Amino acid sequence: MIDFDPQTLAFSQKNGEELTAKLTCTLLADRQVLVLNHIFINPAVQNQTGQLGIGLVKAALSYAQEKQLKLWPLGPAALAACQSIPAVQARW
């Protein structure tokens, strides 16, 4: 399950108490664009990097659709995950 913290604009996934992945975001000053800054993947689950990144980006996509925001993938992992999800490309 992916949790969202509206205070920090971060999406995170845990396995029990252990953080497995986190996507940090920034809302641009005009409040129309959600920047996907960085995806952290816990080294203990490196073999699931693509799957975890895609899950986090899908959660960010849902948030962006709900708030009518465009997405801007900034980090290389965020960009790679976005390129594999056609619905995300429509929000660029």
PDB file of N, CA and C in Angstrom:
ATOM      1  N   MET A   1       0.829  -1.180   0.000  1.00  0.00           N
ATOM      2  CA  MET A   1       0.000   0.000   0.000  1.00  0.00           C
ATOM      3  C   MET A   1       0.880   1.252   0.000  1.00  0.00           C
ATOM      4  N   ILE A   2       0.458   2.241  -0.760  1.00  0.00           N
ATOM      5  CA  ILE A   2       1.216   3.482  -0.858  1.00  0.00           C
ATOM      6  C   ILE A   2       0.519   4.559  -0.029  1.00  0.00           C
ATOM      7  N   ASP A   3       1.294   5.213   0.817  1.00  0.00           N
ATOM      8  CA  ASP A   3       0.788   6.302   1.652  1.00  0.00           C
ATOM      9  C   ASP A   3       1.206   7.633   1.044  1.00  0.00           C
ATOM     10  N   PHE A   4       0.375   8.650   1.242  1.00  0.00           N
ATOM     11  CA  PHE A   4       0.675   9.997   0.765  1.00  0.00           C
ATOM     12  C   PHE A   4       0.683  10.948   1.944  1.00  0.00           C
ATOM     13  N   ASP A   5       1.720  11.757   2.030  1.00  0.00           N
ATOM     14  CA  ASP A   5       1.823  12.786   3.067  1.00  0.00           C
ATOM     15  C   ASP A   5       1.617  14.142   2.398  1.00  0.00           C
ATOM     16  N   PRO A   6       0.458  14.766   2.578  1.00  0.00           N
ATOM     17  CA  PRO A   6       0.183  16.041   1.914  1.00  0.00           C
ATOM     18  C   PRO A   6       1.066  17.192   2.406  1.00  0.00           C
ATOM     19  N   GLN A   7       1.631  17.074   3.597  1.00  0.00           N
ATOM     20  CA  GLN A   7       2.519  18.118   4.137  1.00  0.00           C
ATOM     21  C   GLN A   7       3.835  18.179   3.351  1.00  0.00           C
ATOM     22  N   THR A   8       4.378  17.010   3.032  1.00  0.00           N
ATOM     23  CA  THR A   8       5.678  16.946   2.354  1.00  0.00           C
ATOM     24  C   THR A   8       5.555  16.582   0.880  1.00  0.00           C
ATOM     25  N   LEU A   9       4.342  16.300   0.416  1.00  0.00           N
ATOM     26  CA  LEU A   9       4.098  15.844  -0.955  1.00  0.00           C
ATOM     27  C   LEU A   9       4.958  14.620  -1.285  1.00  0.00           C
ATOM     28  N   ALA A  10       4.944  13.642  -0.398  1.00  0.00           N
ATOM     29  CA  ALA A  10       5.732  12.427  -0.584  1.00  0.00           C
ATOM     30  C   ALA A  10       4.819  11.207  -0.598  1.00  0.00           C
ATOM     31  N   PHE A  11       5.105  10.307  -1.518  1.00  0.00           N
ATOM     32  CA  PHE A  11       4.413   9.034  -1.605  1.00  0.00           C
ATOM     33  C   PHE A  11       5.394   7.979  -1.112  1.00  0.00           C
ATOM     34  N   SER A  12       4.965   7.121  -0.191  1.00  0.00           N
ATOM     35  CA  SER A  12       5.887   6.123   0.344  1.00  0.00           C
ATOM     36  C   SER A  12       5.206   4.762   0.444  1.00  0.00           C
ATOM     37  N   GLN A  13       6.048   3.754   0.354  1.00  0.00           N
ATOM     38  CA  GLN A  13       5.582   2.377   0.468  1.00  0.00           C
ATOM     39  C   GLN A  13       6.448   1.673   1.501  1.00  0.00           C
ATOM     40  N   LYS A  14       5.775   0.952   2.388  1.00  0.00           N
ATOM     41  CA  LYS A  14       6.488   0.231   3.446  1.00  0.00           C
ATOM     42  C   LYS A  14       6.135  -1.248   3.410  1.00  0.00           C
ATOM     43  N   ASN A  15       7.053  -2.029   3.916  1.00  0.00           N
ATOM     44  CA  ASN A  15       6.826  -3.444   4.161  1.00  0.00           C
ATOM     45  C   ASN A  15       6.910  -3.590   5.673  1.00  0.00           C
ATOM     46  N   GLY A  16       5.747  -3.596   6.326  1.00  0.00           N
ATOM     47  CA  GLY A  16       5.731  -3.528   7.783  1.00  0.00           C
ATOM     48  C   GLY A  16       6.175  -2.138   8.196  1.00  0.00           C
ATOM     49  N   GLU A  17       7.228  -2.046   8.975  1.00  0.00           N
ATOM     50  CA  GLU A  17       7.774  -0.758   9.394  1.00  0.00           C
ATOM     51  C   GLU A  17       8.929  -0.299   8.507  1.00  0.00           C
ATOM     52  N   GLU A  18       9.382  -1.170   7.610  1.00  0.00           N
ATOM     53  CA  GLU A  18      10.540  -0.853   6.774  1.00  0.00           C
ATOM     54  C   GLU A  18      10.121  -0.102   5.509  1.00  0.00           C
ATOM     55  N   LEU A  19      10.727   1.060   5.281  1.00  0.00           N
ATOM     56  CA  LEU A  19      10.478   1.830   4.069  1.00  0.00           C
ATOM     57  C   LEU A  19      11.092   1.101   2.885  1.00  0.00           C
ATOM     58  N   THR A  20      10.277   0.796   1.884  1.00  0.00           N
ATOM     59  CA  THR A  20      10.803   0.121   0.700  1.00  0.00           C
ATOM     60  C   THR A  20      11.010   1.098  -0.455  1.00  0.00           C
ATOM     61  N   ALA A  21      10.151   2.127  -0.552  1.00  0.00           N
ATOM     62  CA  ALA A  21      10.289   3.086  -1.649  1.00  0.00           C
ATOM     63  C   ALA A  21       9.602   4.396  -1.276  1.00  0.00           C
ATOM     64  N   LYS A  22      10.123   5.494  -1.867  1.00  0.00           N
ATOM     65  CA  LYS A  22       9.540   6.804  -1.593  1.00  0.00           C
ATOM     66  C   LYS A  22       9.740   7.702  -2.814  1.00  0.00           C
ATOM     67  N   LEU A  23       8.699   8.440  -3.159  1.00  0.00           N
ATOM     68  CA  LEU A  23       8.751   9.435  -4.230  1.00  0.00           C
ATOM     69  C   LEU A  23       8.525  10.803  -3.603  1.00  0.00           C
ATOM     70  N   THR A  24       9.500  11.682  -3.750  1.00  0.00           N
ATOM     71  CA  THR A  24       9.353  13.039  -3.237  1.00  0.00           C
ATOM     72  C   THR A  24       8.941  13.962  -4.381  1.00  0.00           C
ATOM     73  N   CYS A  25       8.051  14.889  -4.066  1.00  0.00           N
ATOM     74  CA  CYS A  25       7.496  15.786  -5.083  1.00  0.00           C
ATOM     75  C   CYS A  25       7.545  17.227  -4.597  1.00  0.00           C
ATOM     76  N   THR A  26       7.386  18.137  -5.558  1.00  0.00           N
ATOM     77  CA  THR A  26       7.293  19.562  -5.282  1.00  0.00           C
ATOM     78  C   THR A  26       6.153  20.113  -6.119  1.00  0.00           C
ATOM     79  N   LEU A  27       5.404  21.025  -5.558  1.00  0.00           N
ATOM     80  CA  LEU A  27       4.359  21.711  -6.299  1.00  0.00           C
ATOM     81  C   LEU A  27       4.936  23.053  -6.735  1.00  0.00           C
ATOM     82  N   LEU A  28       4.971  23.304  -8.040  1.00  0.00           N
ATOM     83  CA  LEU A  28       5.536  24.559  -8.529  1.00  0.00           C
ATOM     84  C   LEU A  28       4.719  25.746  -8.039  1.00  0.00           C
ATOM     85  N   ALA A  29       5.344  26.893  -8.033  1.00  0.00           N
ATOM     86  CA  ALA A  29       4.749  28.103  -7.464  1.00  0.00           C
ATOM     87  C   ALA A  29       3.375  28.426  -8.046  1.00  0.00           C
ATOM     88  N   ASP A  30       3.173  28.127  -9.318  1.00  0.00           N
ATOM     89  CA  ASP A  30       1.865  28.420  -9.915  1.00  0.00           C
ATOM     90  C   ASP A  30       0.811  27.386  -9.516  1.00  0.00           C
ATOM     91  N   ARG A  31       1.248  26.370  -8.770  1.00  0.00           N
ATOM     92  CA  ARG A  31       0.380  25.327  -8.221  1.00  0.00           C
ATOM     93  C   ARG A  31      -0.372  24.545  -9.302  1.00  0.00           C
ATOM     94  N   GLN A  32       0.225  24.478 -10.487  1.00  0.00           N
ATOM     95  CA  GLN A  32      -0.390  23.751 -11.592  1.00  0.00           C
ATOM     96  C   GLN A  32       0.412  22.524 -12.014  1.00  0.00           C
ATOM     97  N   VAL A  33       1.628  22.402 -11.488  1.00  0.00           N
ATOM     98  CA  VAL A  33       2.521  21.321 -11.912  1.00  0.00           C
ATOM     99  C   VAL A  33       3.095  20.613 -10.690  1.00  0.00           C
ATOM    100  N   LEU A  34       2.939  19.289 -10.668  1.00  0.00           N
ATOM    101  CA  LEU A  34       3.537  18.458  -9.630  1.00  0.00           C
ATOM    102  C   LEU A  34       4.841  17.891 -10.181  1.00  0.00           C
ATOM    103  N   VAL A  35       5.954  18.294  -9.599  1.00  0.00           N
ATOM    104  CA  VAL A  35       7.269  17.835 -10.038  1.00  0.00           C
ATOM    105  C   VAL A  35       7.613  16.558  -9.279  1.00  0.00           C
ATOM    106  N   LEU A  36       7.932  15.510 -10.019  1.00  0.00           N
ATOM    107  CA  LEU A  36       8.344  14.234  -9.420  1.00  0.00           C
ATOM    108  C   LEU A  36       9.866  14.283  -9.309  1.00  0.00           C
ATOM    109  N   ASN A  37      10.352  14.606  -8.114  1.00  0.00           N
ATOM    110  CA  ASN A  37      11.774  14.890  -7.919  1.00  0.00           C
ATOM    111  C   ASN A  37      12.661  13.659  -7.876  1.00  0.00           C
ATOM    112  N   HIS A  38      12.373  12.764  -6.961  1.00  0.00           N
ATOM    113  CA  HIS A  38      13.312  11.677  -6.693  1.00  0.00           C
ATOM    114  C   HIS A  38      12.578  10.437  -6.211  1.00  0.00           C
ATOM    115  N   ILE A  39      12.984   9.297  -6.733  1.00  0.00           N
ATOM    116  CA  ILE A  39      12.468   8.021  -6.241  1.00  0.00           C
ATOM    117  C   ILE A  39      13.602   7.327  -5.487  1.00  0.00           C
ATOM    118  N   PHE A  40      13.338   7.036  -4.229  1.00  0.00           N
ATOM    119  CA  PHE A  40      14.273   6.263  -3.407  1.00  0.00           C
ATOM    120  C   PHE A  40      13.767   4.827  -3.361  1.00  0.00           C
ATOM    121  N   ILE A  41      14.646   3.890  -3.618  1.00  0.00           N
ATOM    122  CA  ILE A  41      14.340   2.459  -3.481  1.00  0.00           C
ATOM    123  C   ILE A  41      15.315   1.883  -2.462  1.00  0.00           C
ATOM    124  N   ASN A  42      14.773   1.248  -1.425  1.00  0.00           N
ATOM    125  CA  ASN A  42      15.597   0.614  -0.404  1.00  0.00           C
ATOM    126  C   ASN A  42      16.497  -0.431  -1.074  1.00  0.00           C
ATOM    127  N   PRO A  43      17.806  -0.397  -0.821  1.00  0.00           N
ATOM    128  CA  PRO A  43      18.712  -1.374  -1.435  1.00  0.00           C
ATOM    129  C   PRO A  43      18.325  -2.822  -1.177  1.00  0.00           C
ATOM    130  N   ALA A  44      17.623  -3.083  -0.091  1.00  0.00           N
ATOM    131  CA  ALA A  44      17.211  -4.458   0.218  1.00  0.00           C
ATOM    132  C   ALA A  44      16.209  -5.005  -0.793  1.00  0.00           C
ATOM    133  N   VAL A  45      15.552  -4.104  -1.547  1.00  0.00           N
ATOM    134  CA  VAL A  45      14.558  -4.547  -2.537  1.00  0.00           C
ATOM    135  C   VAL A  45      14.912  -4.044  -3.936  1.00  0.00           C
ATOM    136  N   GLN A  46      16.206  -3.867  -4.209  1.00  0.00           N
ATOM    137  CA  GLN A  46      16.655  -3.346  -5.501  1.00  0.00           C
ATOM    138  C   GLN A  46      16.101  -4.141  -6.678  1.00  0.00           C
ATOM    139  N   ASN A  47      15.856  -5.434  -6.509  1.00  0.00           N
ATOM    140  CA  ASN A  47      15.360  -6.249  -7.620  1.00  0.00           C
ATOM    141  C   ASN A  47      13.939  -5.869  -8.027  1.00  0.00           C
ATOM    142  N   GLN A  48      13.259  -5.046  -7.241  1.00  0.00           N
ATOM    143  CA  GLN A  48      11.893  -4.618  -7.541  1.00  0.00           C
ATOM    144  C   GLN A  48      11.832  -3.141  -7.951  1.00  0.00           C
ATOM    145  N   THR A  49      12.974  -2.574  -8.313  1.00  0.00           N
ATOM    146  CA  THR A  49      13.060  -1.137  -8.575  1.00  0.00           C
ATOM    147  C   THR A  49      11.997  -0.642  -9.543  1.00  0.00           C
ATOM    148  N   GLY A  50      11.891  -1.263 -10.712  1.00  0.00           N
ATOM    149  CA  GLY A  50      10.933  -0.807 -11.713  1.00  0.00           C
ATOM    150  C   GLY A  50       9.500  -0.887 -11.234  1.00  0.00           C
ATOM    151  N   GLN A  51       9.155  -2.002 -10.632  1.00  0.00           N
ATOM    152  CA  GLN A  51       7.792  -2.208 -10.144  1.00  0.00           C
ATOM    153  C   GLN A  51       7.426  -1.201  -9.060  1.00  0.00           C
ATOM    154  N   LEU A  52       8.324  -0.958  -8.129  1.00  0.00           N
ATOM    155  CA  LEU A  52       8.049  -0.003  -7.049  1.00  0.00           C
ATOM    156  C   LEU A  52       7.945   1.422  -7.590  1.00  0.00           C
ATOM    157  N   GLY A  53       8.839   1.788  -8.493  1.00  0.00           N
ATOM    158  CA  GLY A  53       8.801   3.127  -9.080  1.00  0.00           C
ATOM    159  C   GLY A  53       7.510   3.381  -9.836  1.00  0.00           C
ATOM    160  N   ILE A  54       7.065   2.407 -10.593  1.00  0.00           N
ATOM    161  CA  ILE A  54       5.819   2.536 -11.344  1.00  0.00           C
ATOM    162  C   ILE A  54       4.637   2.695 -10.397  1.00  0.00           C
ATOM    163  N   GLY A  55       4.615   1.944  -9.314  1.00  0.00           N
ATOM    164  CA  GLY A  55       3.531   2.056  -8.339  1.00  0.00           C
ATOM    165  C   GLY A  55       3.460   3.440  -7.722  1.00  0.00           C
ATOM    166  N   LEU A  56       4.628   4.009  -7.392  1.00  0.00           N
ATOM    167  CA  LEU A  56       4.666   5.352  -6.814  1.00  0.00           C
ATOM    168  C   LEU A  56       4.197   6.394  -7.823  1.00  0.00           C
ATOM    169  N   VAL A  57       4.628   6.255  -9.077  1.00  0.00           N
ATOM    170  CA  VAL A  57       4.233   7.216 -10.107  1.00  0.00           C
ATOM    171  C   VAL A  57       2.732   7.111 -10.384  1.00  0.00           C
ATOM    172  N   LYS A  58       2.181   5.905 -10.349  1.00  0.00           N
ATOM    173  CA  LYS A  58       0.735   5.754 -10.531  1.00  0.00           C
ATOM    174  C   LYS A  58      -0.033   6.453  -9.407  1.00  0.00           C
ATOM    175  N   ALA A  59       0.488   6.383  -8.196  1.00  0.00           N
ATOM    176  CA  ALA A  59      -0.149   7.087  -7.075  1.00  0.00           C
ATOM    177  C   ALA A  59      -0.074   8.598  -7.289  1.00  0.00           C
ATOM    178  N   ALA A  60       1.070   9.084  -7.765  1.00  0.00           N
ATOM    179  CA  ALA A  60       1.209  10.512  -8.052  1.00  0.00           C
ATOM    180  C   ALA A  60       0.279  10.927  -9.193  1.00  0.00           C
ATOM    181  N   LEU A  61       0.115  10.062 -10.181  1.00  0.00           N
ATOM    182  CA  LEU A  61      -0.803  10.334 -11.288  1.00  0.00           C
ATOM    183  C   LEU A  61      -2.235  10.482 -10.774  1.00  0.00           C
ATOM    184  N   SER A  62      -2.651   9.599  -9.897  1.00  0.00           N
ATOM    185  CA  SER A  62      -4.000   9.692  -9.325  1.00  0.00           C
ATOM    186  C   SER A  62      -4.190  11.010  -8.582  1.00  0.00           C
ATOM    187  N   TYR A  63      -3.191  11.397  -7.812  1.00  0.00           N
ATOM    188  CA  TYR A  63      -3.252  12.665  -7.080  1.00  0.00           C
ATOM    189  C   TYR A  63      -3.330  13.838  -8.062  1.00  0.00           C
ATOM    190  N   ALA A  64      -2.499  13.801  -9.096  1.00  0.00           N
ATOM    191  CA  ALA A  64      -2.479  14.886 -10.081  1.00  0.00           C
ATOM    192  C   ALA A  64      -3.817  14.990 -10.816  1.00  0.00           C
ATOM    193  N   GLN A  65      -4.402  13.851 -11.150  1.00  0.00           N
ATOM    194  CA  GLN A  65      -5.702  13.871 -11.821  1.00  0.00           C
ATOM    195  C   GLN A  65      -6.768  14.461 -10.908  1.00  0.00           C
ATOM    196  N   GLU A  66      -6.749  14.066  -9.652  1.00  0.00           N
ATOM    197  CA  GLU A  66      -7.722  14.566  -8.672  1.00  0.00           C
ATOM    198  C   GLU A  66      -7.610  16.083  -8.496  1.00  0.00           C
ATOM    199  N   LYS A  67      -6.382  16.590  -8.493  1.00  0.00           N
ATOM    200  CA  LYS A  67      -6.132  18.023  -8.274  1.00  0.00           C
ATOM    201  C   LYS A  67      -6.001  18.810  -9.579  1.00  0.00           C
ATOM    202  N   GLN A  68      -6.159  18.129 -10.714  1.00  0.00           N
ATOM    203  CA  GLN A  68      -6.041  18.734 -12.050  1.00  0.00           C
ATOM    204  C   GLN A  68      -4.670  19.390 -12.253  1.00  0.00           C
ATOM    205  N   LEU A  69      -3.633  18.631 -11.947  1.00  0.00           N
ATOM    206  CA  LEU A  69      -2.258  19.093 -12.093  1.00  0.00           C
ATOM    207  C   LEU A  69      -1.582  18.400 -13.269  1.00  0.00           C
ATOM    208  N   LYS A  70      -0.602  19.052 -13.841  1.00  0.00           N
ATOM    209  CA  LYS A  70       0.269  18.411 -14.815  1.00  0.00           C
ATOM    210  C   LYS A  70       1.417  17.769 -14.024  1.00  0.00           C
ATOM    211  N   LEU A  71       2.059  16.782 -14.636  1.00  0.00           N
ATOM    212  CA  LEU A  71       3.207  16.114 -14.019  1.00  0.00           C
ATOM    213  C   LEU A  71       4.478  16.497 -14.761  1.00  0.00           C
ATOM    214  N   TRP A  72       5.548  16.637 -14.015  1.00  0.00           N
ATOM    215  CA  TRP A  72       6.857  16.907 -14.595  1.00  0.00           C
ATOM    216  C   TRP A  72       7.859  15.982 -13.910  1.00  0.00           C
ATOM    217  N   PRO A  73       8.220  14.863 -14.568  1.00  0.00           N
ATOM    218  CA  PRO A  73       9.215  13.962 -13.977  1.00  0.00           C
ATOM    219  C   PRO A  73      10.606  14.569 -14.105  1.00  0.00           C
ATOM    220  N   LEU A  74      11.268  14.752 -12.985  1.00  0.00           N
ATOM    221  CA  LEU A  74      12.566  15.412 -12.982  1.00  0.00           C
ATOM    222  C   LEU A  74      13.707  14.403 -12.832  1.00  0.00           C
ATOM    223  N   GLY A  75      13.608  13.518 -11.878  1.00  0.00           N
ATOM    224  CA  GLY A  75      14.667  12.546 -11.644  1.00  0.00           C
ATOM    225  C   GLY A  75      14.658  11.447 -12.687  1.00  0.00           C
ATOM    226  N   PRO A  76      15.806  10.809 -12.937  1.00  0.00           N
ATOM    227  CA  PRO A  76      15.881   9.772 -13.964  1.00  0.00           C
ATOM    228  C   PRO A  76      14.990   8.561 -13.678  1.00  0.00           C
ATOM    229  N   ALA A  77      14.877   8.157 -12.427  1.00  0.00           N
ATOM    230  CA  ALA A  77      14.010   7.015 -12.108  1.00  0.00           C
ATOM    231  C   ALA A  77      12.545   7.389 -12.303  1.00  0.00           C
ATOM    232  N   ALA A  78      12.186   8.606 -11.931  1.00  0.00           N
ATOM    233  CA  ALA A  78      10.812   9.070 -12.133  1.00  0.00           C
ATOM    234  C   ALA A  78      10.502   9.160 -13.621  1.00  0.00           C
ATOM    235  N   LEU A  79      11.442   9.657 -14.407  1.00  0.00           N
ATOM    236  CA  LEU A  79      11.244   9.750 -15.848  1.00  0.00           C
ATOM    237  C   LEU A  79      11.075   8.371 -16.467  1.00  0.00           C
ATOM    238  N   ALA A  80      11.907   7.422 -16.074  1.00  0.00           N
ATOM    239  CA  ALA A  80      11.807   6.057 -16.609  1.00  0.00           C
ATOM    240  C   ALA A  80      10.459   5.437 -16.261  1.00  0.00           C
ATOM    241  N   ALA A  81      10.010   5.619 -15.030  1.00  0.00           N
ATOM    242  CA  ALA A  81       8.712   5.069 -14.626  1.00  0.00           C
ATOM    243  C   ALA A  81       7.581   5.739 -15.409  1.00  0.00           C
ATOM    244  N   CYS A  82       7.670   7.045 -15.600  1.00  0.00           N
ATOM    245  CA  CYS A  82       6.627   7.773 -16.333  1.00  0.00           C
ATOM    246  C   CYS A  82       6.533   7.327 -17.786  1.00  0.00           C
ATOM    247  N   GLN A  83       7.650   7.036 -18.380  1.00  0.00           N
ATOM    248  CA  GLN A  83       7.660   6.638 -19.790  1.00  0.00           C
ATOM    249  C   GLN A  83       6.978   5.292 -20.016  1.00  0.00           C
ATOM    250  N   SER A  84       6.816   4.509 -18.971  1.00  0.00           N
ATOM    251  CA  SER A  84       6.171   3.203 -19.120  1.00  0.00           C
ATOM    252  C   SER A  84       4.669   3.247 -18.836  1.00  0.00           C
ATOM    253  N   ILE A  85       4.153   4.433 -18.507  1.00  0.00           N
ATOM    254  CA  ILE A  85       2.728   4.573 -18.185  1.00  0.00           C
ATOM    255  C   ILE A  85       2.106   5.587 -19.143  1.00  0.00           C
ATOM    256  N   PRO A  86       1.369   5.135 -20.166  1.00  0.00           N
ATOM    257  CA  PRO A  86       0.805   6.061 -21.157  1.00  0.00           C
ATOM    258  C   PRO A  86      -0.061   7.172 -20.547  1.00  0.00           C
ATOM    259  N   ALA A  87      -0.812   6.888 -19.516  1.00  0.00           N
ATOM    260  CA  ALA A  87      -1.683   7.909 -18.909  1.00  0.00           C
ATOM    261  C   ALA A  87      -0.882   9.058 -18.325  1.00  0.00           C
ATOM    262  N   VAL A  88       0.334   8.797 -17.889  1.00  0.00           N
ATOM    263  CA  VAL A  88       1.184   9.846 -17.331  1.00  0.00           C
ATOM    264  C   VAL A  88       1.625  10.798 -18.442  1.00  0.00           C
ATOM    265  N   GLN A  89       1.955  10.244 -19.589  1.00  0.00           N
ATOM    266  CA  GLN A  89       2.441  11.063 -20.700  1.00  0.00           C
ATOM    267  C   GLN A  89       1.387  12.087 -21.132  1.00  0.00           C
ATOM    268  N   ALA A  90       0.128  11.774 -20.954  1.00  0.00           N
ATOM    269  CA  ALA A  90      -0.950  12.705 -21.297  1.00  0.00           C
ATOM    270  C   ALA A  90      -1.011  13.889 -20.337  1.00  0.00           C
ATOM    271  N   ARG A  91      -0.388  13.781 -19.163  1.00  0.00           N
ATOM    272  CA  ARG A  91      -0.418  14.864 -18.170  1.00  0.00           C
ATOM    273  C   ARG A  91       0.835  15.727 -18.215  1.00  0.00           C
ATOM    274  N   TRP A  92       1.765  15.437 -19.141  1.00  0.00           N
ATOM    275  CA  TRP A  92       2.998  16.240 -19.234  1.00  0.00           C
ATOM    276  C   TRP A  92       2.675  17.575 -19.839  1.00  0.00           C
TER     277      TRP A  92
END
